[in-house]
Amino acid sequence: MPTVAYNRTYQDPTYYSVNYRIIGTIFQGIIFGVGVLGNIMVVIVVMRTRSMHTPTNCYLVSLSVADFMVLVASVPNEIISYYVLGDEWIWGRAGCALFIFLQYLGINASSLSITAFTVERYIAICLPMKAQTVCTVKRAKKIILGVWLFACSYCSPWLALTTTEAVYYKGHENIETCTFALSRHHYRSYFFADIILFYVVPLLLSCICYQYTFGVVLVYVETQCTLGVTLNE
């Protein structure tokens, strides 16, 4: 039971079990290693192979960078949490703000990159004549730059919306945790905007693009089959 002294609430120290630590470390380590290595390889291969400098691969590189950012900002801290006390945070106030910012930046940039890639594929398949002037590497780079600038601007408030606060455990001093700087109800509008801008809108746009793309592909396949039957006759 927590005890109170000097207006402080002292909690009993809590740790993860040994089995939980081992299993968590192994699986998280595999995810981190494969994810980091795979995303780095994608970026290197595309950058070094001139024939792969296409609009589609530009979006894939952007997606790889975003995924890499999320992995680096989240998985190591998750592994460390298995071995520290309770919800202890070891990186200080600056680390708290930076890691939270990078996580949201990576997630949101990833969502926007996938959406841009989906629209690019829709134009390439459904509007092939227009794609010759619209779906270019130069334009893809500009779109990606816009995606990252928007994501950085949108996520920048997290640098000020997070903080560290002291938590007190029996027999331990100077323990901090990474948490919200304001009361949680102040974040509702921000989270709602997150859901709309980076989940609902991209999902609806992707569904529309894939619906039209599937329709064009289906018509093309049916036309080819009909043409093949006619030629055989």
C-alpha atoms as a PDB file:
ATOM      1  CA  MET A   1       0.000   0.000   0.000  1.00  0.00           C
ATOM      2  CA  PRO A   2       1.286   3.513  -0.750  1.00  0.00           C
ATOM      3  CA  THR A   3       2.485   5.546   2.232  1.00  0.00           C
ATOM      4  CA  VAL A   4       2.313   9.346   2.515  1.00  0.00           C
ATOM      5  CA  ALA A   5       5.147  11.474   3.925  1.00  0.00           C
ATOM      6  CA  TYR A   6       5.868  15.165   3.462  1.00  0.00           C
ATOM      7  CA  ASN A   7       2.796  15.416   1.179  1.00  0.00           C
ATOM      8  CA  ARG A   8       4.276  12.778  -1.106  1.00  0.00           C
ATOM      9  CA  THR A   9       2.745   9.450  -2.006  1.00  0.00           C
ATOM     10  CA  TYR A  10       5.321   6.659  -1.969  1.00  0.00           C
ATOM     11  CA  GLN A  11       4.461   3.564  -3.972  1.00  0.00           C
ATOM     12  CA  ASP A  12       5.814   0.063  -3.675  1.00  0.00           C
ATOM     13  CA  PRO A  13       8.508  -0.627  -6.314  1.00  0.00           C
ATOM     14  CA  THR A  14       7.258  -2.738  -9.219  1.00  0.00           C
ATOM     15  CA  TYR A  15       9.265  -4.659 -11.799  1.00  0.00           C
ATOM     16  CA  TYR A  16       8.438  -6.935 -14.717  1.00  0.00           C
ATOM     17  CA  SER A  17       8.972 -10.649 -14.193  1.00  0.00           C
ATOM     18  CA  VAL A  18      12.127 -12.280 -15.558  1.00  0.00           C
ATOM     19  CA  ASN A  19      10.176 -14.302 -18.138  1.00  0.00           C
ATOM     20  CA  TYR A  20       8.370 -11.180 -19.343  1.00  0.00           C
ATOM     21  CA  ARG A  21      11.686  -9.359 -19.709  1.00  0.00           C
ATOM     22  CA  ILE A  22      13.284 -12.177 -21.674  1.00  0.00           C
ATOM     23  CA  ILE A  23      10.348 -12.745 -24.030  1.00  0.00           C
ATOM     24  CA  GLY A  24       9.769  -9.019 -24.518  1.00  0.00           C
ATOM     25  CA  THR A  25      13.426  -8.307 -25.179  1.00  0.00           C
ATOM     26  CA  ILE A  26      13.721 -11.122 -27.724  1.00  0.00           C
ATOM     27  CA  PHE A  27      10.619 -10.209 -29.712  1.00  0.00           C
ATOM     28  CA  GLN A  28      11.151  -6.463 -29.527  1.00  0.00           C
ATOM     29  CA  GLY A  29      14.806  -6.957 -30.434  1.00  0.00           C
ATOM     30  CA  ILE A  30      13.863  -8.992 -33.511  1.00  0.00           C
ATOM     31  CA  ILE A  31      11.316  -6.371 -34.585  1.00  0.00           C
ATOM     32  CA  PHE A  32      13.847  -3.590 -34.071  1.00  0.00           C
ATOM     33  CA  GLY A  33      16.700  -5.358 -35.859  1.00  0.00           C
ATOM     34  CA  VAL A  34      14.673  -6.495 -38.864  1.00  0.00           C
ATOM     35  CA  GLY A  35      12.836  -3.182 -39.135  1.00  0.00           C
ATOM     36  CA  VAL A  36      15.914  -0.968 -38.905  1.00  0.00           C
ATOM     37  CA  LEU A  37      17.989  -3.128 -41.246  1.00  0.00           C
ATOM     38  CA  GLY A  38      15.180  -3.508 -43.783  1.00  0.00           C
ATOM     39  CA  ASN A  39      14.350   0.189 -43.934  1.00  0.00           C
ATOM     40  CA  ILE A  40      18.005   1.214 -44.209  1.00  0.00           C
ATOM     41  CA  MET A  41      18.506  -1.275 -47.051  1.00  0.00           C
ATOM     42  CA  VAL A  42      15.498   0.121 -48.933  1.00  0.00           C
ATOM     43  CA  VAL A  43      16.897   3.649 -48.743  1.00  0.00           C
ATOM     44  CA  ILE A  44      20.423   2.595 -49.755  1.00  0.00           C
ATOM     45  CA  VAL A  45      19.310   0.402 -52.675  1.00  0.00           C
ATOM     46  CA  VAL A  46      16.981   3.041 -54.123  1.00  0.00           C
ATOM     47  CA  MET A  47      19.530   5.840 -53.742  1.00  0.00           C
ATOM     48  CA  ARG A  48      22.391   3.857 -55.296  1.00  0.00           C
ATOM     49  CA  THR A  49      20.436   2.301 -58.174  1.00  0.00           C
ATOM     50  CA  ARG A  50      19.702   4.941 -60.787  1.00  0.00           C
ATOM     51  CA  SER A  51      17.093   2.815 -62.552  1.00  0.00           C
ATOM     52  CA  MET A  52      15.083   2.758 -59.315  1.00  0.00           C
ATOM     53  CA  HIS A  53      14.733   6.541 -59.167  1.00  0.00           C
ATOM     54  CA  THR A  54      10.989   6.456 -59.842  1.00  0.00           C
ATOM     55  CA  PRO A  55       8.084   8.339 -58.227  1.00  0.00           C
ATOM     56  CA  THR A  56       6.846   5.149 -56.573  1.00  0.00           C
ATOM     57  CA  ASN A  57      10.224   4.411 -55.017  1.00  0.00           C
ATOM     58  CA  CYS A  58      10.499   8.006 -53.802  1.00  0.00           C
ATOM     59  CA  TYR A  59       7.367   7.454 -51.726  1.00  0.00           C
ATOM     60  CA  LEU A  60       8.719   4.099 -50.521  1.00  0.00           C
ATOM     61  CA  VAL A  61      11.908   5.813 -49.329  1.00  0.00           C
ATOM     62  CA  SER A  62       9.827   8.387 -47.465  1.00  0.00           C
ATOM     63  CA  LEU A  63       7.817   5.575 -45.883  1.00  0.00           C
ATOM     64  CA  SER A  64      11.014   3.727 -44.908  1.00  0.00           C
ATOM     65  CA  VAL A  65      12.446   6.832 -43.236  1.00  0.00           C
ATOM     66  CA  ALA A  66       9.195   7.346 -41.312  1.00  0.00           C
ATOM     67  CA  ASP A  67       9.076   3.706 -40.188  1.00  0.00           C
ATOM     68  CA  PHE A  68      12.749   3.855 -39.190  1.00  0.00           C
ATOM     69  CA  MET A  69      12.020   6.947 -37.101  1.00  0.00           C
ATOM     70  CA  VAL A  70       9.149   5.241 -35.266  1.00  0.00           C
ATOM     71  CA  LEU A  71      11.261   2.164 -34.546  1.00  0.00           C
ATOM     72  CA  VAL A  72      14.209   4.141 -33.178  1.00  0.00           C
ATOM     73  CA  ALA A  73      12.006   6.409 -31.071  1.00  0.00           C
ATOM     74  CA  SER A  74       9.855   3.679 -29.518  1.00  0.00           C
ATOM     75  CA  VAL A  75      11.306   0.158 -29.453  1.00  0.00           C
ATOM     76  CA  PRO A  76      14.572   0.792 -27.522  1.00  0.00           C
ATOM     77  CA  ASN A  77      12.648   2.691 -24.833  1.00  0.00           C
ATOM     78  CA  GLU A  78      10.158  -0.158 -24.620  1.00  0.00           C
ATOM     79  CA  ILE A  79      12.983  -2.643 -24.069  1.00  0.00           C
ATOM     80  CA  ILE A  80      14.588  -0.397 -21.449  1.00  0.00           C
ATOM     81  CA  SER A  81      11.250  -0.152 -19.620  1.00  0.00           C
ATOM     82  CA  TYR A  82      11.446  -3.886 -18.905  1.00  0.00           C
ATOM     83  CA  TYR A  83      14.488  -3.341 -16.683  1.00  0.00           C
ATOM     84  CA  VAL A  84      13.820  -0.049 -14.887  1.00  0.00           C
ATOM     85  CA  LEU A  85      11.538   0.750 -12.005  1.00  0.00           C
ATOM     86  CA  GLY A  86       7.844   1.016 -12.855  1.00  0.00           C
ATOM     87  CA  ASP A  87       7.281   3.830 -15.354  1.00  0.00           C
ATOM     88  CA  GLU A  88      10.718   5.379 -14.791  1.00  0.00           C
ATOM     89  CA  TRP A  89      12.034   7.648 -17.557  1.00  0.00           C
ATOM     90  CA  ILE A  90      15.815   7.941 -17.869  1.00  0.00           C
ATOM     91  CA  TRP A  91      16.247  10.459 -20.720  1.00  0.00           C
ATOM     92  CA  GLY A  92      15.142  13.640 -18.957  1.00  0.00           C
ATOM     93  CA  ARG A  93      12.771  16.401 -20.072  1.00  0.00           C
ATOM     94  CA  ALA A  94      14.450  16.951 -23.463  1.00  0.00           C
ATOM     95  CA  GLY A  95      14.439  13.227 -24.225  1.00  0.00           C
ATOM     96  CA  CYS A  96      10.765  12.958 -23.292  1.00  0.00           C
ATOM     97  CA  ALA A  97       9.808  15.751 -25.695  1.00  0.00           C
ATOM     98  CA  LEU A  98      12.086  14.524 -28.490  1.00  0.00           C
ATOM     99  CA  PHE A  99      11.046  10.865 -28.433  1.00  0.00           C
ATOM    100  CA  ILE A 100       7.322  11.660 -28.308  1.00  0.00           C
ATOM    101  CA  PHE A 101       7.748  14.169 -31.138  1.00  0.00           C
ATOM    102  CA  LEU A 102       9.642  11.655 -33.293  1.00  0.00           C
ATOM    103  CA  GLN A 103       7.051   8.938 -32.699  1.00  0.00           C
ATOM    104  CA  TYR A 104       4.151  11.127 -33.798  1.00  0.00           C
ATOM    105  CA  LEU A 105       6.173  12.598 -36.663  1.00  0.00           C
ATOM    106  CA  GLY A 106       7.053   9.147 -37.994  1.00  0.00           C
ATOM    107  CA  ILE A 107       3.500   7.830 -37.698  1.00  0.00           C
ATOM    108  CA  ASN A 108       1.905  10.858 -39.354  1.00  0.00           C
ATOM    109  CA  ALA A 109       4.523  11.131 -42.114  1.00  0.00           C
ATOM    110  CA  SER A 110       4.058   7.415 -42.783  1.00  0.00           C
ATOM    111  CA  SER A 111       0.293   7.852 -43.160  1.00  0.00           C
ATOM    112  CA  LEU A 112       0.703  10.792 -45.542  1.00  0.00           C
ATOM    113  CA  SER A 113       3.396   8.995 -47.567  1.00  0.00           C
ATOM    114  CA  ILE A 114       1.138   5.975 -48.058  1.00  0.00           C
ATOM    115  CA  THR A 115      -1.709   8.251 -49.127  1.00  0.00           C
ATOM    116  CA  ALA A 116       0.490  10.112 -51.621  1.00  0.00           C
ATOM    117  CA  PHE A 117       1.741   6.781 -52.981  1.00  0.00           C
ATOM    118  CA  THR A 118      -1.847   5.548 -53.381  1.00  0.00           C
ATOM    119  CA  VAL A 119      -2.886   8.674 -55.296  1.00  0.00           C
ATOM    120  CA  GLU A 120       0.199   8.373 -57.512  1.00  0.00           C
ATOM    121  CA  ARG A 121      -0.681   4.762 -58.373  1.00  0.00           C
ATOM    122  CA  TYR A 122      -4.273   5.786 -59.097  1.00  0.00           C
ATOM    123  CA  ILE A 123      -3.130   8.452 -61.564  1.00  0.00           C
ATOM    124  CA  ALA A 124      -0.609   6.101 -63.193  1.00  0.00           C
ATOM    125  CA  ILE A 125      -3.227   3.379 -63.780  1.00  0.00           C
ATOM    126  CA  CYS A 126      -6.456   5.306 -64.328  1.00  0.00           C
ATOM    127  CA  LEU A 127      -5.044   8.391 -66.063  1.00  0.00           C
ATOM    128  CA  PRO A 128      -1.995   7.103 -67.971  1.00  0.00           C
ATOM    129  CA  MET A 129      -1.791  10.078 -70.345  1.00  0.00           C
ATOM    130  CA  LYS A 130      -1.848  12.582 -67.508  1.00  0.00           C
ATOM    131  CA  ALA A 131       0.607  10.477 -65.512  1.00  0.00           C
ATOM    132  CA  GLN A 132       3.392  11.274 -67.967  1.00  0.00           C
ATOM    133  CA  THR A 133       3.427  14.887 -66.805  1.00  0.00           C
ATOM    134  CA  VAL A 134       2.085  14.513 -63.258  1.00  0.00           C
ATOM    135  CA  CYS A 135       3.842  11.384 -61.967  1.00  0.00           C
ATOM    136  CA  THR A 136       7.453  12.532 -62.209  1.00  0.00           C
ATOM    137  CA  VAL A 137      10.358  12.108 -59.817  1.00  0.00           C
ATOM    138  CA  LYS A 138      10.719  15.867 -59.447  1.00  0.00           C
ATOM    139  CA  ARG A 139       7.068  16.281 -58.498  1.00  0.00           C
ATOM    140  CA  ALA A 140       7.230  13.287 -56.141  1.00  0.00           C
ATOM    141  CA  LYS A 141      10.173  14.870 -54.299  1.00  0.00           C
ATOM    142  CA  LYS A 142       8.243  18.127 -53.919  1.00  0.00           C
ATOM    143  CA  ILE A 143       5.215  16.266 -52.562  1.00  0.00           C
ATOM    144  CA  ILE A 144       7.379  14.327 -50.109  1.00  0.00           C
ATOM    145  CA  LEU A 145       9.033  17.551 -48.945  1.00  0.00           C
ATOM    146  CA  GLY A 146       5.581  19.039 -48.398  1.00  0.00           C
ATOM    147  CA  VAL A 147       4.480  15.932 -46.490  1.00  0.00           C
ATOM    148  CA  TRP A 148       7.424  16.140 -44.093  1.00  0.00           C
ATOM    149  CA  LEU A 149       7.179  19.905 -43.617  1.00  0.00           C
ATOM    150  CA  PHE A 150       3.478  19.607 -42.807  1.00  0.00           C
ATOM    151  CA  ALA A 151       4.055  16.650 -40.469  1.00  0.00           C
ATOM    152  CA  CYS A 152       6.888  18.487 -38.671  1.00  0.00           C
ATOM    153  CA  SER A 153       4.775  21.617 -38.243  1.00  0.00           C
ATOM    154  CA  TYR A 154       1.759  19.653 -37.059  1.00  0.00           C
ATOM    155  CA  CYS A 155       3.733  17.549 -34.562  1.00  0.00           C
ATOM    156  CA  SER A 156       5.950  20.354 -33.237  1.00  0.00           C
ATOM    157  CA  PRO A 157       3.548  21.230 -30.357  1.00  0.00           C
ATOM    158  CA  TRP A 158       4.503  17.901 -28.762  1.00  0.00           C
ATOM    159  CA  LEU A 159       7.880  19.448 -27.961  1.00  0.00           C
ATOM    160  CA  ALA A 160       6.042  21.615 -25.438  1.00  0.00           C
ATOM    161  CA  LEU A 161       3.105  19.361 -24.567  1.00  0.00           C
ATOM    162  CA  THR A 162       5.185  16.734 -22.767  1.00  0.00           C
ATOM    163  CA  THR A 163       7.144  16.938 -19.548  1.00  0.00           C
ATOM    164  CA  THR A 164       8.684  14.844 -16.807  1.00  0.00           C
ATOM    165  CA  GLU A 165       7.377  14.690 -13.287  1.00  0.00           C
ATOM    166  CA  ALA A 166       8.689  13.052 -10.156  1.00  0.00           C
ATOM    167  CA  VAL A 167       7.295   9.743  -8.934  1.00  0.00           C
ATOM    168  CA  TYR A 168       8.127   8.379  -5.528  1.00  0.00           C
ATOM    169  CA  TYR A 169       8.896   4.780  -4.682  1.00  0.00           C
ATOM    170  CA  LYS A 170       9.870   3.391  -1.313  1.00  0.00           C
ATOM    171  CA  GLY A 171      13.647   3.246  -1.048  1.00  0.00           C
ATOM    172  CA  HIS A 172      14.221   5.216  -4.271  1.00  0.00           C
ATOM    173  CA  GLU A 173      14.812   8.887  -4.990  1.00  0.00           C
ATOM    174  CA  ASN A 174      14.981  11.114  -8.092  1.00  0.00           C
ATOM    175  CA  ILE A 175      12.697   8.941 -10.219  1.00  0.00           C
ATOM    176  CA  GLU A 176      11.000  10.682 -13.149  1.00  0.00           C
ATOM    177  CA  THR A 177       8.302   9.653 -15.599  1.00  0.00           C
ATOM    178  CA  CYS A 178       7.484  11.050 -19.052  1.00  0.00           C
ATOM    179  CA  THR A 179       3.924  12.351 -19.158  1.00  0.00           C
ATOM    180  CA  PHE A 180       1.543  15.049 -20.427  1.00  0.00           C
ATOM    181  CA  ALA A 181       2.385  18.649 -19.548  1.00  0.00           C
ATOM    182  CA  LEU A 182      -1.308  19.590 -19.283  1.00  0.00           C
ATOM    183  CA  SER A 183      -4.447  17.878 -18.065  1.00  0.00           C
ATOM    184  CA  ARG A 184      -5.489  15.151 -20.472  1.00  0.00           C
ATOM    185  CA  HIS A 185      -8.769  16.790 -21.470  1.00  0.00           C
ATOM    186  CA  HIS A 186      -6.757  19.597 -23.086  1.00  0.00           C
ATOM    187  CA  TYR A 187      -5.489  17.106 -25.671  1.00  0.00           C
ATOM    188  CA  ARG A 188      -8.879  15.941 -26.949  1.00  0.00           C
ATOM    189  CA  SER A 189      -9.019  18.369 -29.878  1.00  0.00           C
ATOM    190  CA  TYR A 190      -5.462  17.500 -30.865  1.00  0.00           C
ATOM    191  CA  PHE A 191      -6.138  13.760 -30.812  1.00  0.00           C
ATOM    192  CA  PHE A 192      -9.408  14.262 -32.713  1.00  0.00           C
ATOM    193  CA  ALA A 193      -7.535  16.215 -35.399  1.00  0.00           C
ATOM    194  CA  ASP A 194      -5.002  13.359 -35.513  1.00  0.00           C
ATOM    195  CA  ILE A 195      -7.729  10.826 -36.199  1.00  0.00           C
ATOM    196  CA  ILE A 196      -9.343  12.942 -38.924  1.00  0.00           C
ATOM    197  CA  LEU A 197      -6.190  14.132 -40.728  1.00  0.00           C
ATOM    198  CA  PHE A 198      -4.050  11.014 -40.553  1.00  0.00           C
ATOM    199  CA  TYR A 199      -6.532   8.136 -40.369  1.00  0.00           C
ATOM    200  CA  VAL A 200     -10.052   8.950 -41.585  1.00  0.00           C
ATOM    201  CA  VAL A 201      -9.169  11.195 -44.553  1.00  0.00           C
ATOM    202  CA  PRO A 202      -6.306   8.968 -45.826  1.00  0.00           C
ATOM    203  CA  LEU A 203      -8.483   5.872 -45.429  1.00  0.00           C
ATOM    204  CA  LEU A 204     -11.396   7.357 -47.367  1.00  0.00           C
ATOM    205  CA  LEU A 205      -9.111   8.729 -50.074  1.00  0.00           C
ATOM    206  CA  SER A 206      -7.330   5.383 -50.408  1.00  0.00           C
ATOM    207  CA  CYS A 207     -10.621   3.488 -50.622  1.00  0.00           C
ATOM    208  CA  ILE A 208     -11.848   5.781 -53.403  1.00  0.00           C
ATOM    209  CA  CYS A 209      -8.582   5.504 -55.342  1.00  0.00           C
ATOM    210  CA  TYR A 210      -8.444   1.719 -55.030  1.00  0.00           C
ATOM    211  CA  GLN A 211     -12.092   1.391 -56.039  1.00  0.00           C
ATOM    212  CA  TYR A 212     -11.490   3.272 -59.291  1.00  0.00           C
ATOM    213  CA  THR A 213      -8.175   1.490 -59.855  1.00  0.00           C
ATOM    214  CA  PHE A 214      -9.788  -1.910 -59.384  1.00  0.00           C
ATOM    215  CA  GLY A 215     -12.556  -0.938 -61.800  1.00  0.00           C
ATOM    216  CA  VAL A 216     -10.073   0.106 -64.494  1.00  0.00           C
ATOM    217  CA  VAL A 217      -8.032  -3.070 -64.068  1.00  0.00           C
ATOM    218  CA  LEU A 218     -11.179  -5.210 -64.194  1.00  0.00           C
ATOM    219  CA  VAL A 219     -12.345  -3.545 -67.429  1.00  0.00           C
ATOM    220  CA  TYR A 220      -8.885  -4.015 -68.929  1.00  0.00           C
ATOM    221  CA  VAL A 221      -8.812  -7.723 -68.040  1.00  0.00           C
ATOM    222  CA  GLU A 222     -12.301  -8.273 -69.445  1.00  0.00           C
ATOM    223  CA  THR A 223     -11.336  -6.450 -72.651  1.00  0.00           C
ATOM    224  CA  GLN A 224      -8.211  -8.550 -73.055  1.00  0.00           C
ATOM    225  CA  CYS A 225     -10.150 -11.766 -72.481  1.00  0.00           C
ATOM    226  CA  THR A 226     -12.812 -10.742 -75.026  1.00  0.00           C
ATOM    227  CA  LEU A 227     -10.141  -9.773 -77.542  1.00  0.00           C
ATOM    228  CA  GLY A 228      -8.377 -13.094 -77.042  1.00  0.00           C
ATOM    229  CA  VAL A 229     -11.583 -15.058 -77.633  1.00  0.00           C
ATOM    230  CA  THR A 230     -12.328 -13.027 -80.774  1.00  0.00           C
ATOM    231  CA  LEU A 231      -8.867 -13.634 -82.219  1.00  0.00           C
ATOM    232  CA  ASN A 232      -9.105 -17.361 -81.534  1.00  0.00           C
ATOM    233  CA  GLU A 233     -12.375 -17.545 -83.431  1.00  0.00           C
END
